[in-house]
């Protein structure tokens, strides 16, 4: 973990904690964790789908399969994310 996160929590130097800065740091860490999970899942799924016999290098068909799989995975993830965010915005507007 980044040592700066635990060292000041966005404080002003007087020992006071800045809740806004803390919340922003938490949001950044959550976004990083989500991105890491997305990449891990995409890698696992595409590897299982495209690589029959792991070796020292990928042949052309494996390279194409990996590229297409990753593109489709990202497209699907973006579609789901947009729909989810849209739904959240509608629900917040109805509150």
PDB file of N, CA and C in Angstrom:
ATOM      1  N   UNK A   1       0.845  -1.170   0.000  1.00  0.00           N
ATOM      2  CA  UNK A   1       0.000   0.000   0.000  1.00  0.00           C
ATOM      3  C   UNK A   1       0.888   1.228   0.000  1.00  0.00           C
ATOM      4  N   UNK A   2       0.446   2.301  -0.582  1.00  0.00           N
ATOM      5  CA  UNK A   2       1.179   3.550  -0.643  1.00  0.00           C
ATOM      6  C   UNK A   2       1.376   4.093   0.764  1.00  0.00           C
ATOM      7  N   UNK A   3       2.624   4.410   1.122  1.00  0.00           N
ATOM      8  CA  UNK A   3       2.911   4.869   2.478  1.00  0.00           C
ATOM      9  C   UNK A   3       2.300   6.234   2.757  1.00  0.00           C
ATOM     10  N   UNK A   4       2.025   7.026   1.737  1.00  0.00           N
ATOM     11  CA  UNK A   4       1.447   8.344   1.969  1.00  0.00           C
ATOM     12  C   UNK A   4      -0.006   8.251   2.433  1.00  0.00           C
ATOM     13  N   UNK A   5      -0.675   7.131   2.130  1.00  0.00           N
ATOM     14  CA  UNK A   5      -2.071   6.996   2.539  1.00  0.00           C
ATOM     15  C   UNK A   5      -2.195   6.975   4.048  1.00  0.00           C
ATOM     16  N   UNK A   6      -1.371   6.194   4.694  1.00  0.00           N
ATOM     17  CA  UNK A   6      -1.474   6.064   6.137  1.00  0.00           C
ATOM     18  C   UNK A   6      -0.790   7.183   6.896  1.00  0.00           C
ATOM     19  N   UNK A   7       0.008   7.997   6.222  1.00  0.00           N
ATOM     20  CA  UNK A   7       0.813   8.961   6.949  1.00  0.00           C
ATOM     21  C   UNK A   7       0.068  10.230   7.330  1.00  0.00           C
ATOM     22  N   UNK A   8      -0.809  10.733   6.474  1.00  0.00           N
ATOM     23  CA  UNK A   8      -1.441  12.001   6.855  1.00  0.00           C
ATOM     24  C   UNK A   8      -2.942  12.033   6.646  1.00  0.00           C
ATOM     25  N   UNK A   9      -3.517  11.122   5.902  1.00  0.00           N
ATOM     26  CA  UNK A   9      -4.960  11.075   5.662  1.00  0.00           C
ATOM     27  C   UNK A   9      -5.512  12.428   5.238  1.00  0.00           C
ATOM     28  N   UNK A  10      -4.722  13.194   4.516  1.00  0.00           N
ATOM     29  CA  UNK A  10      -5.212  14.475   4.031  1.00  0.00           C
ATOM     30  C   UNK A  10      -5.306  15.513   5.121  1.00  0.00           C
ATOM     31  N   UNK A  11      -4.608  15.309   6.204  1.00  0.00           N
ATOM     32  CA  UNK A  11      -4.656  16.253   7.326  1.00  0.00           C
ATOM     33  C   UNK A  11      -4.014  17.566   6.968  1.00  0.00           C
ATOM     34  N   UNK A  12      -4.286  18.556   7.788  1.00  0.00           N
ATOM     35  CA  UNK A  12      -3.760  19.898   7.543  1.00  0.00           C
ATOM     36  C   UNK A  12      -2.478  20.136   8.319  1.00  0.00           C
ATOM     37  N   UNK A  13      -1.927  19.089   8.937  1.00  0.00           N
ATOM     38  CA  UNK A  13      -0.694  19.233   9.673  1.00  0.00           C
ATOM     39  C   UNK A  13      -0.934  19.488  11.150  1.00  0.00           C
ATOM     40  N   UNK A  14      -2.150  19.808  11.519  1.00  0.00           N
ATOM     41  CA  UNK A  14      -2.450  20.087  12.909  1.00  0.00           C
ATOM     42  C   UNK A  14      -3.073  18.897  13.615  1.00  0.00           C
ATOM     43  N   UNK A  15      -2.988  17.722  13.022  1.00  0.00           N
ATOM     44  CA  UNK A  15      -3.549  16.541  13.639  1.00  0.00           C
ATOM     45  C   UNK A  15      -5.009  16.314  13.290  1.00  0.00           C
ATOM     46  N   UNK A  16      -5.603  17.216  12.552  1.00  0.00           N
ATOM     47  CA  UNK A  16      -7.014  17.060  12.167  1.00  0.00           C
ATOM     48  C   UNK A  16      -7.098  16.251  10.885  1.00  0.00           C
ATOM     49  N   UNK A  17      -8.108  15.414  10.798  1.00  0.00           N
ATOM     50  CA  UNK A  17      -8.338  14.620   9.606  1.00  0.00           C
ATOM     51  C   UNK A  17      -9.312  15.343   8.691  1.00  0.00           C
ATOM     52  N   UNK A  18      -9.032  15.317   7.417  1.00  0.00           N
ATOM     53  CA  UNK A  18      -9.906  15.917   6.417  1.00  0.00           C
ATOM     54  C   UNK A  18     -10.772  14.814   5.822  1.00  0.00           C
ATOM     55  N   UNK A  19     -12.055  14.741   6.234  1.00  0.00           N
ATOM     56  CA  UNK A  19     -12.917  13.656   5.740  1.00  0.00           C
ATOM     57  C   UNK A  19     -13.016  13.618   4.216  1.00  0.00           C
ATOM     58  N   UNK A  20     -13.015  14.764   3.569  1.00  0.00           N
ATOM     59  CA  UNK A  20     -13.095  14.795   2.105  1.00  0.00           C
ATOM     60  C   UNK A  20     -11.881  14.152   1.461  1.00  0.00           C
ATOM     61  N   UNK A  21     -10.702  14.452   2.010  1.00  0.00           N
ATOM     62  CA  UNK A  21      -9.473  13.875   1.462  1.00  0.00           C
ATOM     63  C   UNK A  21      -9.432  12.375   1.713  1.00  0.00           C
ATOM     64  N   UNK A  22      -9.870  11.964   2.883  1.00  0.00           N
ATOM     65  CA  UNK A  22      -9.903  10.532   3.191  1.00  0.00           C
ATOM     66  C   UNK A  22     -10.847   9.815   2.234  1.00  0.00           C
ATOM     67  N   UNK A  23     -12.025  10.390   2.026  1.00  0.00           N
ATOM     68  CA  UNK A  23     -13.007   9.779   1.128  1.00  0.00           C
ATOM     69  C   UNK A  23     -12.450   9.688  -0.294  1.00  0.00           C
ATOM     70  N   UNK A  24     -11.752  10.720  -0.738  1.00  0.00           N
ATOM     71  CA  UNK A  24     -11.171  10.711  -2.079  1.00  0.00           C
ATOM     72  C   UNK A  24     -10.112   9.618  -2.195  1.00  0.00           C
ATOM     73  N   UNK A  25      -9.285   9.455  -1.170  1.00  0.00           N
ATOM     74  CA  UNK A  25      -8.264   8.411  -1.192  1.00  0.00           C
ATOM     75  C   UNK A  25      -8.899   7.028  -1.204  1.00  0.00           C
ATOM     76  N   UNK A  26      -9.966   6.849  -0.450  1.00  0.00           N
ATOM     77  CA  UNK A  26     -10.669   5.565  -0.442  1.00  0.00           C
ATOM     78  C   UNK A  26     -11.262   5.287  -1.819  1.00  0.00           C
ATOM     79  N   UNK A  27     -11.855   6.293  -2.445  1.00  0.00           N
ATOM     80  CA  UNK A  27     -12.432   6.117  -3.786  1.00  0.00           C
ATOM     81  C   UNK A  27     -11.363   5.717  -4.791  1.00  0.00           C
ATOM     82  N   UNK A  28     -10.191   6.348  -4.698  1.00  0.00           N
ATOM     83  CA  UNK A  28      -9.094   6.017  -5.614  1.00  0.00           C
ATOM     84  C   UNK A  28      -8.647   4.575  -5.397  1.00  0.00           C
ATOM     85  N   UNK A  29      -8.517   4.179  -4.141  1.00  0.00           N
ATOM     86  CA  UNK A  29      -8.089   2.810  -3.863  1.00  0.00           C
ATOM     87  C   UNK A  29      -9.127   1.790  -4.323  1.00  0.00           C
ATOM     88  N   UNK A  30     -10.389   2.100  -4.186  1.00  0.00           N
ATOM     89  CA  UNK A  30     -11.445   1.208  -4.673  1.00  0.00           C
ATOM     90  C   UNK A  30     -11.386   1.101  -6.193  1.00  0.00           C
ATOM     91  N   UNK A  31     -11.180   2.234  -6.877  1.00  0.00           N
ATOM     92  CA  UNK A  31     -11.083   2.219  -8.336  1.00  0.00           C
ATOM     93  C   UNK A  31      -9.895   1.378  -8.792  1.00  0.00           C
ATOM     94  N   UNK A  32      -8.768   1.505  -8.110  1.00  0.00           N
ATOM     95  CA  UNK A  32      -7.587   0.712  -8.454  1.00  0.00           C
ATOM     96  C   UNK A  32      -7.869  -0.776  -8.233  1.00  0.00           C
ATOM     97  N   UNK A  33      -8.483  -1.116  -7.110  1.00  0.00           N
ATOM     98  CA  UNK A  33      -8.811  -2.513  -6.827  1.00  0.00           C
ATOM     99  C   UNK A  33      -9.772  -3.072  -7.871  1.00  0.00           C
ATOM    100  N   UNK A  34     -10.760  -2.282  -8.278  1.00  0.00           N
ATOM    101  CA  UNK A  34     -11.707  -2.727  -9.309  1.00  0.00           C
ATOM    102  C   UNK A  34     -11.009  -2.945 -10.640  1.00  0.00           C
ATOM    103  N   UNK A  35     -10.101  -2.052 -11.003  1.00  0.00           N
ATOM    104  CA  UNK A  35      -9.365  -2.204 -12.260  1.00  0.00           C
ATOM    105  C   UNK A  35      -8.493  -3.454 -12.223  1.00  0.00           C
ATOM    106  N   UNK A  36      -7.851  -3.704 -11.088  1.00  0.00           N
ATOM    107  CA  UNK A  36      -7.026  -4.909 -10.958  1.00  0.00           C
ATOM    108  C   UNK A  36      -7.877  -6.167 -11.071  1.00  0.00           C
ATOM    109  N   UNK A  37      -9.046  -6.155 -10.452  1.00  0.00           N
ATOM    110  CA  UNK A  37      -9.927  -7.317 -10.530  1.00  0.00           C
ATOM    111  C   UNK A  37     -10.416  -7.532 -11.960  1.00  0.00           C
ATOM    112  N   UNK A  38     -10.771  -6.452 -12.644  1.00  0.00           N
ATOM    113  CA  UNK A  38     -11.203  -6.552 -14.039  1.00  0.00           C
ATOM    114  C   UNK A  38     -10.108  -7.181 -14.888  1.00  0.00           C
ATOM    115  N   UNK A  39      -8.885  -6.702 -14.749  1.00  0.00           N
ATOM    116  CA  UNK A  39      -7.780  -7.244 -15.546  1.00  0.00           C
ATOM    117  C   UNK A  39      -7.516  -8.710 -15.211  1.00  0.00           C
ATOM    118  N   UNK A  40      -7.600  -9.056 -13.946  1.00  0.00           N
ATOM    119  CA  UNK A  40      -7.363 -10.443 -13.541  1.00  0.00           C
ATOM    120  C   UNK A  40      -8.428 -11.374 -14.117  1.00  0.00           C
ATOM    121  N   UNK A  41      -9.684 -10.966 -14.017  1.00  0.00           N
ATOM    122  CA  UNK A  41     -10.769 -11.801 -14.549  1.00  0.00           C
ATOM    123  C   UNK A  41     -10.664 -11.936 -16.061  1.00  0.00           C
ATOM    124  N   UNK A  42     -10.363 -10.831 -16.735  1.00  0.00           N
ATOM    125  CA  UNK A  42     -10.240 -10.855 -18.188  1.00  0.00           C
ATOM    126  C   UNK A  42      -9.080 -11.765 -18.596  1.00  0.00           C
ATOM    127  N   UNK A  43      -7.964 -11.655 -17.917  1.00  0.00           N
ATOM    128  CA  UNK A  43      -6.807 -12.486 -18.222  1.00  0.00           C
ATOM    129  C   UNK A  43      -7.131 -13.961 -18.024  1.00  0.00           C
ATOM    130  N   UNK A  44      -7.741 -14.277 -16.887  1.00  0.00           N
ATOM    131  CA  UNK A  44      -8.084 -15.677 -16.608  1.00  0.00           C
ATOM    132  C   UNK A  44      -9.033 -16.236 -17.658  1.00  0.00           C
ATOM    133  N   UNK A  45     -10.092 -15.488 -17.949  1.00  0.00           N
ATOM    134  CA  UNK A  45     -11.107 -15.970 -18.892  1.00  0.00           C
ATOM    135  C   UNK A  45     -10.513 -16.151 -20.293  1.00  0.00           C
ATOM    136  N   UNK A  46      -9.786 -15.160 -20.757  1.00  0.00           N
ATOM    137  CA  UNK A  46      -9.247 -15.229 -22.109  1.00  0.00           C
ATOM    138  C   UNK A  46      -8.135 -16.273 -22.225  1.00  0.00           C
ATOM    139  N   UNK A  47      -7.354 -16.436 -21.172  1.00  0.00           N
ATOM    140  CA  UNK A  47      -6.319 -17.472 -21.196  1.00  0.00           C
ATOM    141  C   UNK A  47      -6.963 -18.846 -21.323  1.00  0.00           C
ATOM    142  N   UNK A  48      -7.976 -19.116 -20.489  1.00  0.00           N
ATOM    143  CA  UNK A  48      -8.650 -20.422 -20.542  1.00  0.00           C
ATOM    144  C   UNK A  48      -9.293 -20.665 -21.905  1.00  0.00           C
ATOM    145  N   UNK A  49      -9.842 -19.600 -22.491  1.00  0.00           N
ATOM    146  CA  UNK A  49     -10.534 -19.740 -23.767  1.00  0.00           C
ATOM    147  C   UNK A  49      -9.566 -19.922 -24.937  1.00  0.00           C
ATOM    148  N   UNK A  50      -8.439 -19.230 -24.893  1.00  0.00           N
ATOM    149  CA  UNK A  50      -7.595 -19.130 -26.088  1.00  0.00           C
ATOM    150  C   UNK A  50      -6.315 -19.962 -26.082  1.00  0.00           C
ATOM    151  N   UNK A  51      -5.842 -20.326 -24.928  1.00  0.00           N
ATOM    152  CA  UNK A  51      -4.558 -21.019 -24.860  1.00  0.00           C
ATOM    153  C   UNK A  51      -4.787 -22.496 -24.546  1.00  0.00           C
ATOM    154  N   UNK A  52      -4.563 -23.336 -25.561  1.00  0.00           N
ATOM    155  CA  UNK A  52      -4.766 -24.763 -25.390  1.00  0.00           C
ATOM    156  C   UNK A  52      -3.619 -25.416 -24.651  1.00  0.00           C
ATOM    157  N   UNK A  53      -2.416 -25.149 -25.110  1.00  0.00           N
ATOM    158  CA  UNK A  53      -1.217 -25.728 -24.503  1.00  0.00           C
ATOM    159  C   UNK A  53      -0.223 -24.594 -24.256  1.00  0.00           C
ATOM    160  N   UNK A  54      -0.103 -24.153 -23.004  1.00  0.00           N
ATOM    161  CA  UNK A  54       0.840 -23.069 -22.712  1.00  0.00           C
ATOM    162  C   UNK A  54       2.259 -23.437 -23.126  1.00  0.00           C
ATOM    163  N   UNK A  55       2.959 -22.467 -23.683  1.00  0.00           N
ATOM    164  CA  UNK A  55       4.337 -22.670 -24.106  1.00  0.00           C
ATOM    165  C   UNK A  55       5.119 -21.385 -23.947  1.00  0.00           C
ATOM    166  N   UNK A  56       6.232 -21.322 -24.642  1.00  0.00           N
ATOM    167  CA  UNK A  56       7.108 -20.160 -24.534  1.00  0.00           C
ATOM    168  C   UNK A  56       6.622 -18.948 -25.296  1.00  0.00           C
ATOM    169  N   UNK A  57       5.727 -19.151 -26.261  1.00  0.00           N
ATOM    170  CA  UNK A  57       5.210 -18.028 -27.043  1.00  0.00           C
ATOM    171  C   UNK A  57       3.815 -18.360 -27.561  1.00  0.00           C
ATOM    172  N   UNK A  58       3.135 -17.335 -28.032  1.00  0.00           N
ATOM    173  CA  UNK A  58       1.787 -17.509 -28.587  1.00  0.00           C
ATOM    174  C   UNK A  58       1.874 -17.596 -30.103  1.00  0.00           C
ATOM    175  N   UNK A  59       1.116 -18.532 -30.697  1.00  0.00           N
ATOM    176  CA  UNK A  59       1.068 -18.556 -32.156  1.00  0.00           C
ATOM    177  C   UNK A  59       0.063 -17.502 -32.630  1.00  0.00           C
ATOM    178  N   UNK A  60      -0.041 -17.328 -33.924  1.00  0.00           N
ATOM    179  CA  UNK A  60      -0.900 -16.269 -34.484  1.00  0.00           C
ATOM    180  C   UNK A  60      -2.358 -16.423 -34.068  1.00  0.00           C
ATOM    181  N   UNK A  61      -2.879 -17.650 -34.103  1.00  0.00           N
ATOM    182  CA  UNK A  61      -4.289 -17.847 -33.763  1.00  0.00           C
ATOM    183  C   UNK A  61      -4.532 -17.533 -32.291  1.00  0.00           C
ATOM    184  N   UNK A  62      -3.589 -17.887 -31.429  1.00  0.00           N
ATOM    185  CA  UNK A  62      -3.732 -17.560 -30.006  1.00  0.00           C
ATOM    186  C   UNK A  62      -3.680 -16.051 -29.784  1.00  0.00           C
ATOM    187  N   UNK A  63      -2.788 -15.367 -30.476  1.00  0.00           N
ATOM    188  CA  UNK A  63      -2.693 -13.910 -30.354  1.00  0.00           C
ATOM    189  C   UNK A  63      -3.987 -13.236 -30.789  1.00  0.00           C
ATOM    190  N   UNK A  64      -4.528 -13.698 -31.904  1.00  0.00           N
ATOM    191  CA  UNK A  64      -5.794 -13.127 -32.400  1.00  0.00           C
ATOM    192  C   UNK A  64      -6.932 -13.414 -31.435  1.00  0.00           C
ATOM    193  N   UNK A  65      -6.979 -14.632 -30.921  1.00  0.00           N
ATOM    194  CA  UNK A  65      -8.036 -15.016 -29.986  1.00  0.00           C
ATOM    195  C   UNK A  65      -7.952 -14.163 -28.722  1.00  0.00           C
ATOM    196  N   UNK A  66      -6.751 -14.003 -28.169  1.00  0.00           N
ATOM    197  CA  UNK A  66      -6.568 -13.188 -26.961  1.00  0.00           C
ATOM    198  C   UNK A  66      -7.015 -11.749 -27.228  1.00  0.00           C
ATOM    199  N   UNK A  67      -6.594 -11.168 -28.348  1.00  0.00           N
ATOM    200  CA  UNK A  67      -6.952  -9.789 -28.668  1.00  0.00           C
ATOM    201  C   UNK A  67      -8.459  -9.624 -28.808  1.00  0.00           C
ATOM    202  N   UNK A  68      -9.104 -10.552 -29.523  1.00  0.00           N
ATOM    203  CA  UNK A  68     -10.552 -10.466 -29.713  1.00  0.00           C
ATOM    204  C   UNK A  68     -11.293 -10.696 -28.400  1.00  0.00           C
ATOM    205  N   UNK A  69     -10.824 -11.653 -27.609  1.00  0.00           N
ATOM    206  CA  UNK A  69     -11.459 -11.950 -26.325  1.00  0.00           C
ATOM    207  C   UNK A  69     -11.386 -10.727 -25.409  1.00  0.00           C
ATOM    208  N   UNK A  70     -10.218 -10.122 -25.336  1.00  0.00           N
ATOM    209  CA  UNK A  70     -10.051  -8.951 -24.472  1.00  0.00           C
ATOM    210  C   UNK A  70     -10.912  -7.785 -24.960  1.00  0.00           C
ATOM    211  N   UNK A  71     -10.981  -7.587 -26.264  1.00  0.00           N
ATOM    212  CA  UNK A  71     -11.832  -6.524 -26.815  1.00  0.00           C
ATOM    213  C   UNK A  71     -13.295  -6.763 -26.458  1.00  0.00           C
ATOM    214  N   UNK A  72     -13.767  -7.991 -26.650  1.00  0.00           N
ATOM    215  CA  UNK A  72     -15.166  -8.311 -26.331  1.00  0.00           C
ATOM    216  C   UNK A  72     -15.434  -8.162 -24.842  1.00  0.00           C
ATOM    217  N   UNK A  73     -14.494  -8.603 -24.018  1.00  0.00           N
ATOM    218  CA  UNK A  73     -14.663  -8.514 -22.567  1.00  0.00           C
ATOM    219  C   UNK A  73     -14.777  -7.044 -22.153  1.00  0.00           C
ATOM    220  N   UNK A  74     -13.900  -6.200 -22.684  1.00  0.00           N
ATOM    221  CA  UNK A  74     -13.933  -4.777 -22.338  1.00  0.00           C
ATOM    222  C   UNK A  74     -15.210  -4.113 -22.861  1.00  0.00           C
ATOM    223  N   UNK A  75     -15.633  -4.466 -24.063  1.00  0.00           N
ATOM    224  CA  UNK A  75     -16.888  -3.921 -24.604  1.00  0.00           C
ATOM    225  C   UNK A  75     -18.067  -4.299 -23.712  1.00  0.00           C
ATOM    226  N   UNK A  76     -18.113  -5.562 -23.311  1.00  0.00           N
ATOM    227  CA  UNK A  76     -19.208  -6.014 -22.453  1.00  0.00           C
ATOM    228  C   UNK A  76     -19.145  -5.305 -21.106  1.00  0.00           C
ATOM    229  N   UNK A  77     -17.958  -5.192 -20.542  1.00  0.00           N
ATOM    230  CA  UNK A  77     -17.809  -4.524 -19.240  1.00  0.00           C
ATOM    231  C   UNK A  77     -18.244  -3.064 -19.338  1.00  0.00           C
ATOM    232  N   UNK A  78     -17.859  -2.385 -20.412  1.00  0.00           N
ATOM    233  CA  UNK A  78     -18.257  -0.985 -20.594  1.00  0.00           C
ATOM    234  C   UNK A  78     -19.766  -0.849 -20.748  1.00  0.00           C
ATOM    235  N   UNK A  79     -20.391  -1.760 -21.475  1.00  0.00           N
ATOM    236  CA  UNK A  79     -21.839  -1.733 -21.646  1.00  0.00           C
ATOM    237  C   UNK A  79     -22.549  -1.919 -20.310  1.00  0.00           C
ATOM    238  N   UNK A  80     -22.100  -2.902 -19.550  1.00  0.00           N
ATOM    239  CA  UNK A  80     -22.704  -3.156 -18.236  1.00  0.00           C
ATOM    240  C   UNK A  80     -22.477  -1.962 -17.311  1.00  0.00           C
ATOM    241  N   UNK A  81     -21.290  -1.403 -17.326  1.00  0.00           N
ATOM    242  CA  UNK A  81     -20.979  -0.257 -16.461  1.00  0.00           C
ATOM    243  C   UNK A  81     -21.854   0.947 -16.790  1.00  0.00           C
ATOM    244  N   UNK A  82     -22.027   1.230 -18.081  1.00  0.00           N
ATOM    245  CA  UNK A  82     -22.883   2.358 -18.481  1.00  0.00           C
ATOM    246  C   UNK A  82     -24.321   2.125 -18.033  1.00  0.00           C
ATOM    247  N   UNK A  83     -24.819   0.910 -18.232  1.00  0.00           N
ATOM    248  CA  UNK A  83     -26.197   0.600 -17.823  1.00  0.00           C
ATOM    249  C   UNK A  83     -26.344   0.717 -16.306  1.00  0.00           C
ATOM    250  N   UNK A  84     -25.376   0.221 -15.567  1.00  0.00           N
ATOM    251  CA  UNK A  84     -25.409   0.281 -14.107  1.00  0.00           C
ATOM    252  C   UNK A  84     -25.378   1.739 -13.625  1.00  0.00           C
ATOM    253  N   UNK A  85     -24.476   2.525 -14.179  1.00  0.00           N
ATOM    254  CA  UNK A  85     -24.391   3.932 -13.781  1.00  0.00           C
ATOM    255  C   UNK A  85     -25.653   4.700 -14.141  1.00  0.00           C
ATOM    256  N   UNK A  86     -26.222   4.399 -15.288  1.00  0.00           N
ATOM    257  CA  UNK A  86     -27.468   5.040 -15.694  1.00  0.00           C
ATOM    258  C   UNK A  86     -28.593   4.704 -14.721  1.00  0.00           C
ATOM    259  N   UNK A  87     -28.655   3.445 -14.340  1.00  0.00           N
ATOM    260  CA  UNK A  87     -29.692   3.024 -13.388  1.00  0.00           C
ATOM    261  C   UNK A  87     -29.500   3.703 -12.031  1.00  0.00           C
ATOM    262  N   UNK A  88     -28.256   3.783 -11.573  1.00  0.00           N
ATOM    263  CA  UNK A  88     -27.988   4.469 -10.305  1.00  0.00           C
ATOM    264  C   UNK A  88     -28.420   5.930 -10.357  1.00  0.00           C
ATOM    265  N   UNK A  89     -28.133   6.595 -11.465  1.00  0.00           N
ATOM    266  CA  UNK A  89     -28.513   8.003 -11.607  1.00  0.00           C
ATOM    267  C   UNK A  89     -30.028   8.158 -11.591  1.00  0.00           C
ATOM    268  N   UNK A  90     -30.744   7.253 -12.282  1.00  0.00           N
ATOM    269  CA  UNK A  90     -32.217   7.324 -12.278  1.00  0.00           C
ATOM    270  C   UNK A  90     -32.762   7.103 -10.888  1.00  0.00           C
ATOM    271  N   UNK A  91     -32.203   6.142 -10.167  1.00  0.00           N
ATOM    272  CA  UNK A  91     -32.695   5.855  -8.818  1.00  0.00           C
ATOM    273  C   UNK A  91     -32.407   7.012  -7.864  1.00  0.00           C
ATOM    274  N   UNK A  92     -31.252   7.645  -8.016  1.00  0.00           N
ATOM    275  CA  UNK A  92     -30.924   8.800  -7.168  1.00  0.00           C
ATOM    276  C   UNK A  92     -31.842   9.975  -7.469  1.00  0.00           C
ATOM    277  N   UNK A  93     -32.202  10.125  -8.741  1.00  0.00           N
ATOM    278  CA  UNK A  93     -33.082  11.221  -9.133  1.00  0.00           C
ATOM    279  C   UNK A  93     -34.505  11.018  -8.586  1.00  0.00           C
ATOM    280  N   UNK A  94     -34.891   9.768  -8.395  1.00  0.00           N
ATOM    281  CA  UNK A  94     -36.240   9.461  -7.893  1.00  0.00           C
ATOM    282  C   UNK A  94     -36.339   9.517  -6.385  1.00  0.00           C
ATOM    283  N   UNK A  95     -35.229   9.719  -5.700  1.00  0.00           N
ATOM    284  CA  UNK A  95     -35.252   9.755  -4.226  1.00  0.00           C
ATOM    285  C   UNK A  95     -35.742  11.087  -3.727  1.00  0.00           C
TER     286      UNK A  95
END
